[in-house]
Amino acid sequence: MKTYKLTEMEGKLSDLIWANEPIPSGELVKLCKKRFDWKKSTTYTMLKRLENKGIFQNRNGLVSSLIKKDDFYAKQCKQFVKENFEGSLPKFLAAFTRNTKLSDDEISALLKLIHEHKEG
């Protein structure tokens, strides 16, 4: 199974790319200089790390995603539940709500999701 974990700066670069994609690599370098005060080499090193993780590609100087932001975070959440709660969503929700009360709107939204994604 592919690992969907990012360092803090990989996450920030990913969010920047997702917000501006497709983006010419030269423009990405400028944005990273402005936002993170990175040198050109730092931007390309970080981008290469994200390419190696299968999240983005740089083809002919145009950077784009191989996986959309929502899909990435969905896979990251699923991996988190698998690693920390034996893959059990009920165990995760029990832990989450142990010290957090859900509003009526949150409960309604969760029930709607459950019904929409119910097997069979």
N, C-alpha and C. Protein backbone atom coordinates (compact mmCIF):
# COMPACT_ATOMS: atom_id res chain seq x y z
N MET A 1 0.84 -1.19 0.00
CA MET A 1 0.00 0.00 0.00
C MET A 1 0.87 1.24 0.00
N LYS A 2 0.54 2.21 -0.83
CA LYS A 2 1.28 3.45 -0.92
C LYS A 2 1.07 4.26 0.36
N THR A 3 2.13 4.92 0.84
CA THR A 3 2.05 5.74 2.04
C THR A 3 1.62 7.15 1.66
N TYR A 4 0.60 7.64 2.33
CA TYR A 4 0.09 8.98 2.07
C TYR A 4 0.39 9.89 3.25
N LYS A 5 1.68 10.09 3.47
CA LYS A 5 2.12 10.97 4.55
C LYS A 5 3.03 12.03 3.96
N LEU A 6 2.87 13.24 4.45
CA LEU A 6 3.69 14.35 3.98
C LEU A 6 4.32 15.04 5.18
N THR A 7 5.51 15.57 4.96
CA THR A 7 6.10 16.44 5.98
C THR A 7 5.30 17.74 5.97
N GLU A 8 5.53 18.57 6.95
CA GLU A 8 4.81 19.86 7.02
C GLU A 8 5.03 20.68 5.75
N MET A 9 6.29 20.79 5.31
CA MET A 9 6.57 21.61 4.13
C MET A 9 6.09 20.94 2.84
N GLU A 10 6.12 19.62 2.77
CA GLU A 10 5.54 18.93 1.61
C GLU A 10 4.05 19.22 1.53
N GLY A 11 3.40 19.26 2.68
CA GLY A 11 1.98 19.58 2.73
C GLY A 11 1.70 21.00 2.25
N LYS A 12 2.53 21.94 2.67
CA LYS A 12 2.34 23.33 2.25
C LYS A 12 2.59 23.49 0.75
N LEU A 13 3.62 22.83 0.24
CA LEU A 13 3.88 22.88 -1.20
C LEU A 13 2.74 22.21 -1.97
N SER A 14 2.26 21.10 -1.47
CA SER A 14 1.16 20.41 -2.13
C SER A 14 -0.07 21.31 -2.21
N ASP A 15 -0.41 21.95 -1.11
CA ASP A 15 -1.57 22.85 -1.10
C ASP A 15 -1.39 23.99 -2.09
N LEU A 16 -0.16 24.50 -2.18
CA LEU A 16 0.13 25.57 -3.14
C LEU A 16 -0.05 25.10 -4.58
N ILE A 17 0.43 23.91 -4.87
CA ILE A 17 0.29 23.37 -6.22
C ILE A 17 -1.18 23.10 -6.52
N TRP A 18 -1.89 22.44 -5.61
CA TRP A 18 -3.30 22.15 -5.84
C TRP A 18 -4.11 23.42 -6.09
N ALA A 19 -3.76 24.50 -5.39
CA ALA A 19 -4.50 25.76 -5.54
C ALA A 19 -4.21 26.45 -6.87
N ASN A 20 -3.10 26.11 -7.51
CA ASN A 20 -2.68 26.83 -8.72
C ASN A 20 -2.49 25.95 -9.95
N GLU A 21 -2.79 24.67 -9.84
CA GLU A 21 -2.50 23.76 -10.95
C GLU A 21 -3.46 23.91 -12.12
N PRO A 22 -3.02 23.55 -13.30
CA PRO A 22 -1.62 23.27 -13.65
C PRO A 22 -0.82 24.56 -13.62
N ILE A 23 0.42 24.45 -13.19
CA ILE A 23 1.26 25.64 -13.02
C ILE A 23 2.63 25.40 -13.66
N PRO A 24 3.09 26.36 -14.46
CA PRO A 24 4.44 26.23 -15.00
C PRO A 24 5.46 26.16 -13.86
N SER A 25 6.46 25.32 -14.01
CA SER A 25 7.44 25.14 -12.93
C SER A 25 8.16 26.44 -12.58
N GLY A 26 8.41 27.29 -13.55
CA GLY A 26 9.04 28.58 -13.26
C GLY A 26 8.17 29.46 -12.39
N GLU A 27 6.87 29.41 -12.63
CA GLU A 27 5.93 30.18 -11.81
C GLU A 27 5.87 29.59 -10.40
N LEU A 28 5.95 28.27 -10.29
CA LEU A 28 5.98 27.63 -8.98
C LEU A 28 7.21 28.06 -8.19
N VAL A 29 8.34 28.14 -8.87
CA VAL A 29 9.57 28.61 -8.21
C VAL A 29 9.36 30.02 -7.65
N LYS A 30 8.74 30.90 -8.43
CA LYS A 30 8.48 32.28 -7.97
C LYS A 30 7.54 32.30 -6.77
N LEU A 31 6.48 31.48 -6.83
CA LEU A 31 5.55 31.43 -5.70
C LEU A 31 6.23 30.91 -4.44
N CYS A 32 7.07 29.89 -4.59
CA CYS A 32 7.77 29.33 -3.44
C CYS A 32 8.78 30.33 -2.86
N LYS A 33 9.41 31.10 -3.71
CA LYS A 33 10.33 32.15 -3.24
C LYS A 33 9.56 33.17 -2.40
N LYS A 34 8.42 33.58 -2.93
CA LYS A 34 7.59 34.58 -2.25
C LYS A 34 6.99 34.04 -0.96
N ARG A 35 6.43 32.83 -1.02
CA ARG A 35 5.70 32.27 0.12
C ARG A 35 6.62 31.67 1.18
N PHE A 36 7.66 30.95 0.75
CA PHE A 36 8.50 30.20 1.69
C PHE A 36 9.94 30.69 1.76
N ASP A 37 10.29 31.64 0.90
CA ASP A 37 11.67 32.14 0.77
C ASP A 37 12.63 31.02 0.37
N TRP A 38 12.15 30.15 -0.55
CA TRP A 38 12.96 29.04 -1.04
C TRP A 38 13.77 29.46 -2.24
N LYS A 39 14.93 28.82 -2.37
CA LYS A 39 15.72 28.95 -3.59
C LYS A 39 15.11 28.01 -4.64
N LYS A 40 15.48 28.23 -5.88
CA LYS A 40 14.99 27.40 -6.99
C LYS A 40 15.29 25.93 -6.72
N SER A 41 16.50 25.64 -6.26
CA SER A 41 16.89 24.25 -6.02
C SER A 41 16.04 23.59 -4.94
N THR A 42 15.66 24.35 -3.93
CA THR A 42 14.81 23.81 -2.86
C THR A 42 13.44 23.43 -3.40
N THR A 43 12.88 24.32 -4.23
CA THR A 43 11.57 24.03 -4.83
C THR A 43 11.62 22.76 -5.65
N TYR A 44 12.64 22.61 -6.48
CA TYR A 44 12.73 21.42 -7.32
C TYR A 44 13.00 20.15 -6.51
N THR A 45 13.78 20.28 -5.44
CA THR A 45 14.03 19.12 -4.56
C THR A 45 12.73 18.67 -3.90
N MET A 46 11.97 19.62 -3.39
CA MET A 46 10.71 19.30 -2.73
C MET A 46 9.70 18.74 -3.74
N LEU A 47 9.65 19.32 -4.92
CA LEU A 47 8.75 18.84 -5.95
C LEU A 47 9.11 17.40 -6.33
N LYS A 48 10.39 17.11 -6.43
CA LYS A 48 10.82 15.76 -6.78
C LYS A 48 10.38 14.75 -5.72
N ARG A 49 10.44 15.15 -4.46
CA ARG A 49 9.98 14.27 -3.38
C ARG A 49 8.50 13.95 -3.55
N LEU A 50 7.72 14.96 -3.92
CA LEU A 50 6.28 14.75 -4.11
C LEU A 50 6.00 13.92 -5.37
N GLU A 51 6.84 14.09 -6.39
CA GLU A 51 6.72 13.25 -7.59
C GLU A 51 7.01 11.79 -7.24
N ASN A 52 8.03 11.58 -6.43
CA ASN A 52 8.40 10.21 -6.03
C ASN A 52 7.31 9.54 -5.20
N LYS A 53 6.49 10.34 -4.54
CA LYS A 53 5.38 9.81 -3.77
C LYS A 53 4.14 9.59 -4.64
N GLY A 54 4.25 9.96 -5.92
CA GLY A 54 3.14 9.72 -6.84
C GLY A 54 2.00 10.71 -6.73
N ILE A 55 2.28 11.90 -6.20
CA ILE A 55 1.21 12.88 -5.99
C ILE A 55 1.16 13.92 -7.11
N PHE A 56 2.34 14.32 -7.60
CA PHE A 56 2.43 15.33 -8.66
C PHE A 56 3.36 14.86 -9.77
N GLN A 57 3.27 15.55 -10.89
CA GLN A 57 4.19 15.31 -11.99
C GLN A 57 4.63 16.65 -12.56
N ASN A 58 5.83 16.67 -13.08
CA ASN A 58 6.37 17.84 -13.77
C ASN A 58 6.71 17.38 -15.18
N ARG A 59 5.82 17.65 -16.12
CA ARG A 59 6.00 17.23 -17.51
C ARG A 59 6.16 18.46 -18.40
N ASN A 60 7.30 18.51 -19.04
CA ASN A 60 7.61 19.62 -19.95
C ASN A 60 7.42 20.98 -19.28
N GLY A 61 7.82 21.04 -18.01
CA GLY A 61 7.78 22.30 -17.28
C GLY A 61 6.40 22.68 -16.76
N LEU A 62 5.45 21.76 -16.80
CA LEU A 62 4.11 22.03 -16.30
C LEU A 62 3.82 21.06 -15.15
N VAL A 63 3.56 21.62 -13.98
CA VAL A 63 3.33 20.83 -12.78
C VAL A 63 1.83 20.63 -12.58
N SER A 64 1.44 19.37 -12.40
CA SER A 64 0.03 19.05 -12.17
C SER A 64 -0.06 17.85 -11.24
N SER A 65 -1.25 17.64 -10.71
CA SER A 65 -1.44 16.54 -9.75
C SER A 65 -1.76 15.24 -10.46
N LEU A 66 -1.32 14.17 -9.84
CA LEU A 66 -1.69 12.82 -10.26
C LEU A 66 -2.85 12.33 -9.40
N ILE A 67 -3.05 12.99 -8.27
CA ILE A 67 -4.15 12.69 -7.36
C ILE A 67 -4.70 14.02 -6.86
N LYS A 68 -5.99 14.16 -6.90
CA LYS A 68 -6.64 15.40 -6.47
C LYS A 68 -6.57 15.53 -4.95
N LYS A 69 -6.65 16.75 -4.48
CA LYS A 69 -6.51 17.05 -3.05
C LYS A 69 -7.50 16.25 -2.20
N ASP A 70 -8.78 16.26 -2.56
CA ASP A 70 -9.78 15.55 -1.76
C ASP A 70 -9.50 14.05 -1.73
N ASP A 71 -9.09 13.49 -2.86
CA ASP A 71 -8.77 12.07 -2.92
C ASP A 71 -7.54 11.74 -2.06
N PHE A 72 -6.55 12.62 -2.10
CA PHE A 72 -5.35 12.41 -1.30
C PHE A 72 -5.70 12.37 0.19
N TYR A 73 -6.45 13.38 0.65
CA TYR A 73 -6.78 13.44 2.07
C TYR A 73 -7.72 12.31 2.49
N ALA A 74 -8.58 11.86 1.58
CA ALA A 74 -9.43 10.70 1.88
C ALA A 74 -8.56 9.46 2.11
N LYS A 75 -7.56 9.26 1.26
CA LYS A 75 -6.66 8.11 1.41
C LYS A 75 -5.81 8.25 2.67
N GLN A 76 -5.41 9.47 2.97
CA GLN A 76 -4.62 9.72 4.17
C GLN A 76 -5.44 9.40 5.42
N CYS A 77 -6.71 9.78 5.42
CA CYS A 77 -7.59 9.50 6.56
C CYS A 77 -7.80 7.99 6.72
N LYS A 78 -8.03 7.32 5.61
CA LYS A 78 -8.24 5.87 5.65
C LYS A 78 -6.99 5.17 6.21
N GLN A 79 -5.83 5.63 5.79
CA GLN A 79 -4.57 5.07 6.28
C GLN A 79 -4.42 5.31 7.78
N PHE A 80 -4.78 6.52 8.23
CA PHE A 80 -4.70 6.87 9.64
C PHE A 80 -5.57 5.94 10.49
N VAL A 81 -6.81 5.73 10.04
CA VAL A 81 -7.73 4.85 10.76
C VAL A 81 -7.19 3.42 10.78
N LYS A 82 -6.65 2.97 9.67
CA LYS A 82 -6.11 1.62 9.59
C LYS A 82 -4.94 1.44 10.57
N GLU A 83 -4.04 2.41 10.58
CA GLU A 83 -2.83 2.31 11.41
C GLU A 83 -3.11 2.50 12.90
N ASN A 84 -4.09 3.32 13.23
CA ASN A 84 -4.29 3.69 14.63
C ASN A 84 -5.53 3.09 15.29
N PHE A 85 -6.46 2.60 14.48
CA PHE A 85 -7.72 2.09 15.04
C PHE A 85 -8.11 0.75 14.43
N GLU A 86 -7.09 -0.03 14.03
CA GLU A 86 -7.30 -1.35 13.45
C GLU A 86 -8.27 -1.30 12.27
N GLY A 87 -8.30 -0.17 11.57
CA GLY A 87 -9.17 -0.03 10.41
C GLY A 87 -10.63 0.17 10.76
N SER A 88 -10.93 0.38 12.03
CA SER A 88 -12.31 0.47 12.49
C SER A 88 -12.77 1.92 12.59
N LEU A 89 -13.68 2.31 11.72
CA LEU A 89 -14.25 3.66 11.79
C LEU A 89 -15.01 3.87 13.10
N PRO A 90 -15.79 2.89 13.58
CA PRO A 90 -16.46 3.08 14.87
C PRO A 90 -15.47 3.34 16.02
N LYS A 91 -14.32 2.64 16.02
CA LYS A 91 -13.32 2.88 17.07
C LYS A 91 -12.76 4.29 16.96
N PHE A 92 -12.53 4.74 15.72
CA PHE A 92 -12.05 6.11 15.52
C PHE A 92 -13.08 7.12 16.04
N LEU A 93 -14.34 6.94 15.66
CA LEU A 93 -15.39 7.87 16.09
C LEU A 93 -15.56 7.86 17.61
N ALA A 94 -15.44 6.68 18.21
CA ALA A 94 -15.54 6.59 19.67
C ALA A 94 -14.42 7.39 20.33
N ALA A 95 -13.21 7.27 19.80
CA ALA A 95 -12.08 8.03 20.34
C ALA A 95 -12.27 9.52 20.10
N PHE A 96 -12.73 9.88 18.90
CA PHE A 96 -12.91 11.28 18.55
C PHE A 96 -13.96 11.95 19.43
N THR A 97 -15.04 11.24 19.71
CA THR A 97 -16.13 11.84 20.47
C THR A 97 -15.99 11.68 21.98
N ARG A 98 -14.93 11.00 22.41
CA ARG A 98 -14.73 10.80 23.84
C ARG A 98 -14.71 12.14 24.59
N ASN A 99 -14.06 13.14 24.02
CA ASN A 99 -13.96 14.46 24.66
C ASN A 99 -14.57 15.57 23.81
N THR A 100 -15.29 15.18 22.77
CA THR A 100 -15.88 16.17 21.86
C THR A 100 -17.35 15.82 21.66
N LYS A 101 -18.21 16.75 21.99
CA LYS A 101 -19.63 16.54 21.77
C LYS A 101 -19.99 16.96 20.35
N LEU A 102 -20.85 16.18 19.72
CA LEU A 102 -21.31 16.48 18.36
C LEU A 102 -22.59 17.30 18.41
N SER A 103 -22.68 18.27 17.52
CA SER A 103 -23.90 19.07 17.42
C SER A 103 -24.96 18.26 16.67
N ASP A 104 -26.19 18.69 16.75
CA ASP A 104 -27.26 18.02 16.01
C ASP A 104 -26.98 18.05 14.51
N ASP A 105 -26.44 19.15 14.01
CA ASP A 105 -26.11 19.25 12.58
C ASP A 105 -25.02 18.25 12.20
N GLU A 106 -24.01 18.10 13.06
CA GLU A 106 -22.94 17.13 12.78
C GLU A 106 -23.48 15.70 12.79
N ILE A 107 -24.34 15.41 13.73
CA ILE A 107 -24.93 14.07 13.80
C ILE A 107 -25.77 13.81 12.55
N SER A 108 -26.56 14.78 12.14
CA SER A 108 -27.38 14.63 10.93
C SER A 108 -26.50 14.41 9.70
N ALA A 109 -25.41 15.17 9.61
CA ALA A 109 -24.50 15.02 8.47
C ALA A 109 -23.85 13.64 8.46
N LEU A 110 -23.45 13.16 9.63
CA LEU A 110 -22.85 11.83 9.73
C LEU A 110 -23.86 10.73 9.36
N LEU A 111 -25.08 10.86 9.85
CA LEU A 111 -26.11 9.87 9.52
C LEU A 111 -26.39 9.87 8.02
N LYS A 112 -26.39 11.04 7.41
CA LYS A 112 -26.61 11.13 5.96
C LYS A 112 -25.47 10.41 5.22
N LEU A 113 -24.24 10.66 5.65
CA LEU A 113 -23.08 9.98 5.03
C LEU A 113 -23.18 8.47 5.18
N ILE A 114 -23.57 8.03 6.35
CA ILE A 114 -23.68 6.60 6.61
C ILE A 114 -24.70 5.98 5.65
N HIS A 115 -25.84 6.61 5.52
CA HIS A 115 -26.89 6.07 4.63
C HIS A 115 -26.47 6.11 3.17
N GLU A 116 -25.73 7.15 2.76
CA GLU A 116 -25.29 7.27 1.39
C GLU A 116 -24.25 6.22 1.03
N HIS A 117 -23.46 5.79 2.00
CA HIS A 117 -22.35 4.87 1.73
C HIS A 117 -22.58 3.47 2.32
N LYS A 118 -23.82 3.18 2.66
CA LYS A 118 -24.15 1.89 3.23
C LYS A 118 -24.03 0.78 2.17
N GLU A 119 -23.40 -0.32 2.56
CA GLU A 119 -23.27 -1.47 1.65
C GLU A 119 -24.62 -2.14 1.48
N GLY A 120 -24.79 -2.74 0.29
CA GLY A 120 -25.97 -3.56 0.04
C GLY A 120 -27.14 -2.75 -0.26
